[in-house]
């Protein structure tokens, strides 16, 4: 499932969501969300945040987003040293 999504351009996306505690609005709590999503529109994250605002009591303060390709081209590096262990 995830491989197919990655081949269609989805990237591993992590969001740090800061929100106000419902019982103590002056206190911020952190929530980490992670899923595969499309950059730069983030439709999966946007659906989650819409759900949050519609269904949960904690008012959103801020969201920081980072994403990375999981499938990348192979890398070749030349080594300048060779070690032998007997």
PDB file of N, CA and C in Angstrom:
ATOM      1  N   UNK A   1       0.820  -1.191   0.000  1.00  0.00           N
ATOM      2  CA  UNK A   1       0.000   0.000   0.000  1.00  0.00           C
ATOM      3  C   UNK A   1       0.864   1.255   0.000  1.00  0.00           C
ATOM      4  N   UNK A   2       1.824   1.327   0.916  1.00  0.00           N
ATOM      5  CA  UNK A   2       2.647   2.534   0.996  1.00  0.00           C
ATOM      6  C   UNK A   2       3.544   2.681  -0.223  1.00  0.00           C
ATOM      7  N   UNK A   3       4.039   1.589  -0.780  1.00  0.00           N
ATOM      8  CA  UNK A   3       4.915   1.663  -1.945  1.00  0.00           C
ATOM      9  C   UNK A   3       4.178   2.275  -3.121  1.00  0.00           C
ATOM     10  N   UNK A   4       2.947   1.858  -3.332  1.00  0.00           N
ATOM     11  CA  UNK A   4       2.155   2.422  -4.425  1.00  0.00           C
ATOM     12  C   UNK A   4       1.931   3.911  -4.269  1.00  0.00           C
ATOM     13  N   UNK A   5       1.661   4.338  -3.054  1.00  0.00           N
ATOM     14  CA  UNK A   5       1.469   5.763  -2.805  1.00  0.00           C
ATOM     15  C   UNK A   5       2.768   6.529  -3.040  1.00  0.00           C
ATOM     16  N   UNK A   6       3.880   5.959  -2.617  1.00  0.00           N
ATOM     17  CA  UNK A   6       5.167   6.629  -2.793  1.00  0.00           C
ATOM     18  C   UNK A   6       5.496   6.769  -4.275  1.00  0.00           C
ATOM     19  N   UNK A   7       5.166   5.761  -5.058  1.00  0.00           N
ATOM     20  CA  UNK A   7       5.420   5.827  -6.489  1.00  0.00           C
ATOM     21  C   UNK A   7       4.521   6.857  -7.177  1.00  0.00           C
ATOM     22  N   UNK A   8       3.401   7.201  -6.552  1.00  0.00           N
ATOM     23  CA  UNK A   8       2.515   8.241  -7.083  1.00  0.00           C
ATOM     24  C   UNK A   8       2.863   9.630  -6.554  1.00  0.00           C
ATOM     25  N   UNK A   9       3.977   9.762  -5.829  1.00  0.00           N
ATOM     26  CA  UNK A   9       4.443  11.082  -5.398  1.00  0.00           C
ATOM     27  C   UNK A   9       4.197  11.418  -3.946  1.00  0.00           C
ATOM     28  N   UNK A  10       3.622  10.498  -3.184  1.00  0.00           N
ATOM     29  CA  UNK A  10       3.411  10.765  -1.768  1.00  0.00           C
ATOM     30  C   UNK A  10       4.745  10.731  -1.040  1.00  0.00           C
ATOM     31  N   UNK A  11       4.875  11.589  -0.036  1.00  0.00           N
ATOM     32  CA  UNK A  11       6.094  11.653   0.772  1.00  0.00           C
ATOM     33  C   UNK A  11       5.726  11.468   2.231  1.00  0.00           C
ATOM     34  N   UNK A  12       6.667  10.928   3.004  1.00  0.00           N
ATOM     35  CA  UNK A  12       6.448  10.794   4.435  1.00  0.00           C
ATOM     36  C   UNK A  12       6.398  12.195   5.029  1.00  0.00           C
ATOM     37  N   UNK A  13       5.293  12.518   5.665  1.00  0.00           N
ATOM     38  CA  UNK A  13       5.061  13.864   6.192  1.00  0.00           C
ATOM     39  C   UNK A  13       4.848  13.789   7.695  1.00  0.00           C
ATOM     40  N   UNK A  14       5.532  14.657   8.410  1.00  0.00           N
ATOM     41  CA  UNK A  14       5.395  14.748   9.858  1.00  0.00           C
ATOM     42  C   UNK A  14       4.949  16.166  10.206  1.00  0.00           C
ATOM     43  N   UNK A  15       3.958  16.259  11.072  1.00  0.00           N
ATOM     44  CA  UNK A  15       3.474  17.571  11.513  1.00  0.00           C
ATOM     45  C   UNK A  15       3.510  17.623  13.036  1.00  0.00           C
ATOM     46  N   UNK A  16       4.083  18.697  13.560  1.00  0.00           N
ATOM     47  CA  UNK A  16       4.011  18.958  14.991  1.00  0.00           C
ATOM     48  C   UNK A  16       2.875  19.953  15.191  1.00  0.00           C
ATOM     49  N   UNK A  17       1.846  19.523  15.890  1.00  0.00           N
ATOM     50  CA  UNK A  17       0.654  20.333  16.099  1.00  0.00           C
ATOM     51  C   UNK A  17       0.657  20.824  17.547  1.00  0.00           C
ATOM     52  N   UNK A  18       0.668  22.135  17.701  1.00  0.00           N
ATOM     53  CA  UNK A  18       0.533  22.733  19.035  1.00  0.00           C
ATOM     54  C   UNK A  18      -0.912  23.184  19.190  1.00  0.00           C
ATOM     55  N   UNK A  19      -1.509  22.815  20.318  1.00  0.00           N
ATOM     56  CA  UNK A  19      -2.894  23.186  20.555  1.00  0.00           C
ATOM     57  C   UNK A  19      -3.085  23.581  22.011  1.00  0.00           C
ATOM     58  N   UNK A  20      -4.146  24.346  22.254  1.00  0.00           N
ATOM     59  CA  UNK A  20      -4.486  24.800  23.604  1.00  0.00           C
ATOM     60  C   UNK A  20      -5.239  23.686  24.324  1.00  0.00           C
ATOM     61  N   UNK A  21      -4.836  23.395  25.546  1.00  0.00           N
ATOM     62  CA  UNK A  21      -5.549  22.400  26.347  1.00  0.00           C
ATOM     63  C   UNK A  21      -6.970  22.906  26.606  1.00  0.00           C
ATOM     64  N   UNK A  22      -7.986  22.067  26.401  1.00  0.00           N
ATOM     65  CA  UNK A  22      -9.369  22.534  26.580  1.00  0.00           C
ATOM     66  C   UNK A  22      -9.663  23.049  27.992  1.00  0.00           C
ATOM     67  N   UNK A  23      -9.140  22.376  29.011  1.00  0.00           N
ATOM     68  CA  UNK A  23      -9.424  22.791  30.392  1.00  0.00           C
ATOM     69  C   UNK A  23      -8.526  23.926  30.875  1.00  0.00           C
ATOM     70  N   UNK A  24      -7.399  24.121  30.205  1.00  0.00           N
ATOM     71  CA  UNK A  24      -6.437  25.167  30.576  1.00  0.00           C
ATOM     72  C   UNK A  24      -5.952  25.849  29.291  1.00  0.00           C
ATOM     73  N   UNK A  25      -6.733  26.764  28.729  1.00  0.00           N
ATOM     74  CA  UNK A  25      -6.417  27.364  27.427  1.00  0.00           C
ATOM     75  C   UNK A  25      -5.063  28.067  27.335  1.00  0.00           C
ATOM     76  N   UNK A  26      -4.481  28.442  28.459  1.00  0.00           N
ATOM     77  CA  UNK A  26      -3.185  29.119  28.400  1.00  0.00           C
ATOM     78  C   UNK A  26      -2.025  28.125  28.299  1.00  0.00           C
ATOM     79  N   UNK A  27      -2.317  26.827  28.394  1.00  0.00           N
ATOM     80  CA  UNK A  27      -1.278  25.789  28.313  1.00  0.00           C
ATOM     81  C   UNK A  27      -1.313  25.154  26.928  1.00  0.00           C
ATOM     82  N   UNK A  28      -0.131  25.064  26.309  1.00  0.00           N
ATOM     83  CA  UNK A  28      -0.027  24.426  24.993  1.00  0.00           C
ATOM     84  C   UNK A  28       0.424  22.985  25.149  1.00  0.00           C
ATOM     85  N   UNK A  29      -0.147  22.123  24.328  1.00  0.00           N
ATOM     86  CA  UNK A  29       0.221  20.713  24.286  1.00  0.00           C
ATOM     87  C   UNK A  29       0.697  20.405  22.869  1.00  0.00           C
ATOM     88  N   UNK A  30       1.600  19.451  22.742  1.00  0.00           N
ATOM     89  CA  UNK A  30       2.144  19.078  21.440  1.00  0.00           C
ATOM     90  C   UNK A  30       1.603  17.714  21.030  1.00  0.00           C
ATOM     91  N   UNK A  31       1.285  17.576  19.740  1.00  0.00           N
ATOM     92  CA  UNK A  31       0.831  16.318  19.172  1.00  0.00           C
ATOM     93  C   UNK A  31       1.615  16.098  17.883  1.00  0.00           C
ATOM     94  N   UNK A  32       2.170  14.904  17.696  1.00  0.00           N
ATOM     95  CA  UNK A  32       2.922  14.582  16.472  1.00  0.00           C
ATOM     96  C   UNK A  32       2.054  13.711  15.584  1.00  0.00           C
ATOM     97  N   UNK A  33       1.863  14.133  14.351  1.00  0.00           N
ATOM     98  CA  UNK A  33       1.073  13.408  13.349  1.00  0.00           C
ATOM     99  C   UNK A  33       2.019  12.994  12.228  1.00  0.00           C
ATOM    100  N   UNK A  34       1.854  11.771  11.712  1.00  0.00           N
ATOM    101  CA  UNK A  34       2.717  11.318  10.618  1.00  0.00           C
ATOM    102  C   UNK A  34       1.918  10.422   9.686  1.00  0.00           C
ATOM    103  N   UNK A  35       2.050  10.686   8.377  1.00  0.00           N
ATOM    104  CA  UNK A  35       1.375   9.889   7.357  1.00  0.00           C
ATOM    105  C   UNK A  35       2.024  10.215   6.016  1.00  0.00           C
ATOM    106  N   UNK A  36       1.623   9.510   4.972  1.00  0.00           N
ATOM    107  CA  UNK A  36       2.096   9.820   3.631  1.00  0.00           C
ATOM    108  C   UNK A  36       1.153  10.848   3.029  1.00  0.00           C
ATOM    109  N   UNK A  37       1.722  11.889   2.396  1.00  0.00           N
ATOM    110  CA  UNK A  37       0.918  12.989   1.881  1.00  0.00           C
ATOM    111  C   UNK A  37       1.576  13.569   0.642  1.00  0.00           C
ATOM    112  N   UNK A  38       0.802  14.341  -0.111  1.00  0.00           N
ATOM    113  CA  UNK A  38       1.300  14.985  -1.326  1.00  0.00           C
ATOM    114  C   UNK A  38       1.759  16.405  -1.025  1.00  0.00           C
ATOM    115  N   UNK A  39       2.965  16.725  -1.446  1.00  0.00           N
ATOM    116  CA  UNK A  39       3.533  18.052  -1.260  1.00  0.00           C
ATOM    117  C   UNK A  39       3.238  18.865  -2.512  1.00  0.00           C
ATOM    118  N   UNK A  40       2.904  20.119  -2.489  1.00  0.00           N
ATOM    119  CA  UNK A  40       2.856  21.053  -1.373  1.00  0.00           C
ATOM    120  C   UNK A  40       1.442  21.269  -0.818  1.00  0.00           C
ATOM    121  N   UNK A  41       0.423  20.573  -1.351  1.00  0.00           N
ATOM    122  CA  UNK A  41      -0.953  20.833  -0.924  1.00  0.00           C
ATOM    123  C   UNK A  41      -1.351  20.130   0.376  1.00  0.00           C
ATOM    124  N   UNK A  42      -0.711  19.013   0.696  1.00  0.00           N
ATOM    125  CA  UNK A  42      -0.971  18.251   1.921  1.00  0.00           C
ATOM    126  C   UNK A  42      -2.461  17.954   2.130  1.00  0.00           C
ATOM    127  N   UNK A  43      -3.119  17.265   1.185  1.00  0.00           N
ATOM    128  CA  UNK A  43      -4.555  17.000   1.349  1.00  0.00           C
ATOM    129  C   UNK A  43      -4.871  16.093   2.540  1.00  0.00           C
ATOM    130  N   UNK A  44      -4.026  15.123   2.849  1.00  0.00           N
ATOM    131  CA  UNK A  44      -4.275  14.217   3.977  1.00  0.00           C
ATOM    132  C   UNK A  44      -4.175  14.989   5.292  1.00  0.00           C
ATOM    133  N   UNK A  45      -3.149  15.811   5.428  1.00  0.00           N
ATOM    134  CA  UNK A  45      -2.992  16.626   6.634  1.00  0.00           C
ATOM    135  C   UNK A  45      -4.141  17.621   6.773  1.00  0.00           C
ATOM    136  N   UNK A  46      -4.542  18.234   5.667  1.00  0.00           N
ATOM    137  CA  UNK A  46      -5.654  19.197   5.718  1.00  0.00           C
ATOM    138  C   UNK A  46      -6.952  18.524   6.172  1.00  0.00           C
ATOM    139  N   UNK A  47      -7.196  17.287   5.699  1.00  0.00           N
ATOM    140  CA  UNK A  47      -8.392  16.557   6.154  1.00  0.00           C
ATOM    141  C   UNK A  47      -8.307  16.278   7.655  1.00  0.00           C
ATOM    142  N   UNK A  48      -7.104  15.895   8.132  1.00  0.00           N
ATOM    143  CA  UNK A  48      -6.941  15.631   9.557  1.00  0.00           C
ATOM    144  C   UNK A  48      -7.174  16.895  10.372  1.00  0.00           C
ATOM    145  N   UNK A  49      -6.623  18.029   9.926  1.00  0.00           N
ATOM    146  CA  UNK A  49      -6.799  19.281  10.663  1.00  0.00           C
ATOM    147  C   UNK A  49      -8.261  19.745  10.638  1.00  0.00           C
ATOM    148  N   UNK A  50      -8.967  19.495   9.533  1.00  0.00           N
ATOM    149  CA  UNK A  50     -10.391  19.829   9.463  1.00  0.00           C
ATOM    150  C   UNK A  50     -11.168  18.968  10.460  1.00  0.00           C
ATOM    151  N   UNK A  51     -10.827  17.681  10.538  1.00  0.00           N
ATOM    152  CA  UNK A  51     -11.440  16.797  11.531  1.00  0.00           C
ATOM    153  C   UNK A  51     -11.170  17.323  12.944  1.00  0.00           C
ATOM    154  N   UNK A  52      -9.916  17.713  13.190  1.00  0.00           N
ATOM    155  CA  UNK A  52      -9.529  18.217  14.516  1.00  0.00           C
ATOM    156  C   UNK A  52     -10.411  19.413  14.902  1.00  0.00           C
ATOM    157  N   UNK A  53     -10.504  20.373  14.002  1.00  0.00           N
ATOM    158  CA  UNK A  53     -11.261  21.594  14.307  1.00  0.00           C
ATOM    159  C   UNK A  53     -12.754  21.312  14.464  1.00  0.00           C
ATOM    160  N   UNK A  54     -13.252  20.319  13.727  1.00  0.00           N
ATOM    161  CA  UNK A  54     -14.672  19.995  13.778  1.00  0.00           C
ATOM    162  C   UNK A  54     -15.046  19.150  14.999  1.00  0.00           C
ATOM    163  N   UNK A  55     -14.155  18.204  15.395  1.00  0.00           N
ATOM    164  CA  UNK A  55     -14.529  17.195  16.382  1.00  0.00           C
ATOM    165  C   UNK A  55     -13.844  17.319  17.748  1.00  0.00           C
ATOM    166  N   UNK A  56     -12.685  17.965  17.821  1.00  0.00           N
ATOM    167  CA  UNK A  56     -11.933  18.002  19.078  1.00  0.00           C
ATOM    168  C   UNK A  56     -12.037  19.369  19.743  1.00  0.00           C
ATOM    169  N   UNK A  57     -11.865  19.378  21.057  1.00  0.00           N
ATOM    170  CA  UNK A  57     -12.034  20.611  21.824  1.00  0.00           C
ATOM    171  C   UNK A  57     -10.801  21.498  21.850  1.00  0.00           C
ATOM    172  N   UNK A  58      -9.610  20.943  21.683  1.00  0.00           N
ATOM    173  CA  UNK A  58      -8.387  21.735  21.767  1.00  0.00           C
ATOM    174  C   UNK A  58      -8.209  22.632  20.558  1.00  0.00           C
ATOM    175  N   UNK A  59      -8.236  23.950  20.772  1.00  0.00           N
ATOM    176  CA  UNK A  59      -8.073  24.908  19.671  1.00  0.00           C
ATOM    177  C   UNK A  59      -6.633  24.878  19.167  1.00  0.00           C
ATOM    178  N   UNK A  60      -6.464  24.824  17.836  1.00  0.00           N
ATOM    179  CA  UNK A  60      -5.125  24.783  17.243  1.00  0.00           C
ATOM    180  C   UNK A  60      -4.384  26.095  17.476  1.00  0.00           C
ATOM    181  N   UNK A  61      -3.106  25.971  17.792  1.00  0.00           N
ATOM    182  CA  UNK A  61      -2.243  27.133  17.948  1.00  0.00           C
ATOM    183  C   UNK A  61      -1.348  27.279  16.719  1.00  0.00           C
ATOM    184  N   UNK A  62      -0.644  26.202  16.354  1.00  0.00           N
ATOM    185  CA  UNK A  62       0.246  26.250  15.193  1.00  0.00           C
ATOM    186  C   UNK A  62       0.548  24.834  14.726  1.00  0.00           C
ATOM    187  N   UNK A  63       1.004  24.746  13.465  1.00  0.00           N
ATOM    188  CA  UNK A  63       1.365  23.455  12.862  1.00  0.00           C
ATOM    189  C   UNK A  63       2.674  23.642  12.109  1.00  0.00           C
ATOM    190  N   UNK A  64       3.672  22.807  12.441  1.00  0.00           N
ATOM    191  CA  UNK A  64       4.941  22.791  11.702  1.00  0.00           C
ATOM    192  C   UNK A  64       4.998  21.498  10.913  1.00  0.00           C
ATOM    193  N   UNK A  65       5.363  21.598   9.636  1.00  0.00           N
ATOM    194  CA  UNK A  65       5.331  20.443   8.747  1.00  0.00           C
ATOM    195  C   UNK A  65       6.713  20.199   8.152  1.00  0.00           C
ATOM    196  N   UNK A  66       7.090  18.918   8.092  1.00  0.00           N
ATOM    197  CA  UNK A  66       8.320  18.497   7.416  1.00  0.00           C
ATOM    198  C   UNK A  66       7.980  17.258   6.605  1.00  0.00           C
ATOM    199  N   UNK A  67       8.628  17.118   5.447  1.00  0.00           N
ATOM    200  CA  UNK A  67       8.383  15.928   4.630  1.00  0.00           C
ATOM    201  C   UNK A  67       9.679  15.497   3.964  1.00  0.00           C
ATOM    202  N   UNK A  68       9.733  14.214   3.643  1.00  0.00           N
ATOM    203  CA  UNK A  68      10.940  13.666   3.027  1.00  0.00           C
ATOM    204  C   UNK A  68      10.559  12.522   2.095  1.00  0.00           C
ATOM    205  N   UNK A  69      11.284  12.424   1.000  1.00  0.00           N
ATOM    206  CA  UNK A  69      11.111  11.277   0.104  1.00  0.00           C
ATOM    207  C   UNK A  69      11.619  10.035   0.806  1.00  0.00           C
ATOM    208  N   UNK A  70      10.855   8.966   0.752  1.00  0.00           N
ATOM    209  CA  UNK A  70      11.295   7.706   1.336  1.00  0.00           C
ATOM    210  C   UNK A  70      12.014   6.893   0.270  1.00  0.00           C
ATOM    211  N   UNK A  71      11.491   6.934  -0.938  1.00  0.00           N
ATOM    212  CA  UNK A  71      12.147   6.263  -2.057  1.00  0.00           C
ATOM    213  C   UNK A  71      12.988   7.309  -2.781  1.00  0.00           C
ATOM    214  N   UNK A  72      14.282   7.075  -2.845  1.00  0.00           N
ATOM    215  CA  UNK A  72      15.185   8.003  -3.508  1.00  0.00           C
ATOM    216  C   UNK A  72      16.098   7.227  -4.445  1.00  0.00           C
ATOM    217  N   UNK A  73      16.710   7.897  -5.408  1.00  0.00           N
ATOM    218  CA  UNK A  73      17.663   7.208  -6.269  1.00  0.00           C
ATOM    219  C   UNK A  73      18.842   6.693  -5.451  1.00  0.00           C
ATOM    220  N   UNK A  74      19.409   5.601  -5.890  1.00  0.00           N
ATOM    221  CA  UNK A  74      20.580   5.060  -5.202  1.00  0.00           C
ATOM    222  C   UNK A  74      21.749   6.034  -5.248  1.00  0.00           C
ATOM    223  N   UNK A  75      22.571   6.000  -4.220  1.00  0.00           N
ATOM    224  CA  UNK A  75      23.744   6.876  -4.171  1.00  0.00           C
ATOM    225  C   UNK A  75      24.984   6.018  -4.263  1.00  0.00           C
ATOM    226  N   UNK A  76      25.956   6.512  -4.986  1.00  0.00           N
ATOM    227  CA  UNK A  76      27.234   5.841  -5.096  1.00  0.00           C
ATOM    228  C   UNK A  76      28.284   6.801  -4.590  1.00  0.00           C
ATOM    229  N   UNK A  77      29.097   6.325  -3.660  1.00  0.00           N
ATOM    230  CA  UNK A  77      30.164   7.161  -3.116  1.00  0.00           C
ATOM    231  C   UNK A  77      31.473   6.407  -3.255  1.00  0.00           C
ATOM    232  N   UNK A  78      32.494   7.134  -3.626  1.00  0.00           N
ATOM    233  CA  UNK A  78      33.822   6.556  -3.757  1.00  0.00           C
ATOM    234  C   UNK A  78      34.519   6.579  -2.397  1.00  0.00           C
ATOM    235  N   UNK A  79      35.059   5.462  -2.014  1.00  0.00           N
ATOM    236  CA  UNK A  79      35.778   5.387  -0.745  1.00  0.00           C
ATOM    237  C   UNK A  79      37.263   5.581  -1.000  1.00  0.00           C
ATOM    238  N   UNK A  80      37.895   6.395  -0.180  1.00  0.00           N
ATOM    239  CA  UNK A  80      39.320   6.634  -0.345  1.00  0.00           C
ATOM    240  C   UNK A  80      40.156   5.666   0.479  1.00  0.00           C
ATOM    241  N   UNK A  81      39.542   4.912   1.347  1.00  0.00           N
ATOM    242  CA  UNK A  81      40.276   4.018   2.222  1.00  0.00           C
ATOM    243  C   UNK A  81      39.726   2.601   2.131  1.00  0.00           C
ATOM    244  N   UNK A  82      40.609   1.639   2.271  1.00  0.00           N
ATOM    245  CA  UNK A  82      40.211   0.238   2.339  1.00  0.00           C
ATOM    246  C   UNK A  82      40.894  -0.371   3.559  1.00  0.00           C
ATOM    247  N   UNK A  83      40.104  -1.054   4.373  1.00  0.00           N
ATOM    248  CA  UNK A  83      40.633  -1.701   5.554  1.00  0.00           C
ATOM    249  C   UNK A  83      40.430  -3.204   5.439  1.00  0.00           C
ATOM    250  N   UNK A  84      41.436  -3.936   5.848  1.00  0.00           N
ATOM    251  CA  UNK A  84      41.306  -5.406   5.894  1.00  0.00           C
ATOM    252  C   UNK A  84      41.456  -5.843   7.330  1.00  0.00           C
ATOM    253  N   UNK A  85      40.578  -6.723   7.740  1.00  0.00           N
ATOM    254  CA  UNK A  85      40.608  -7.254   9.101  1.00  0.00           C
ATOM    255  C   UNK A  85      40.744  -8.759   9.019  1.00  0.00           C
ATOM    256  N   UNK A  86      41.833  -9.267   9.637  1.00  0.00           N
ATOM    257  CA  UNK A  86      42.078 -10.716   9.588  1.00  0.00           C
ATOM    258  C   UNK A  86      41.795 -11.334  10.910  1.00  0.00           C
TER     259      UNK A  86
END
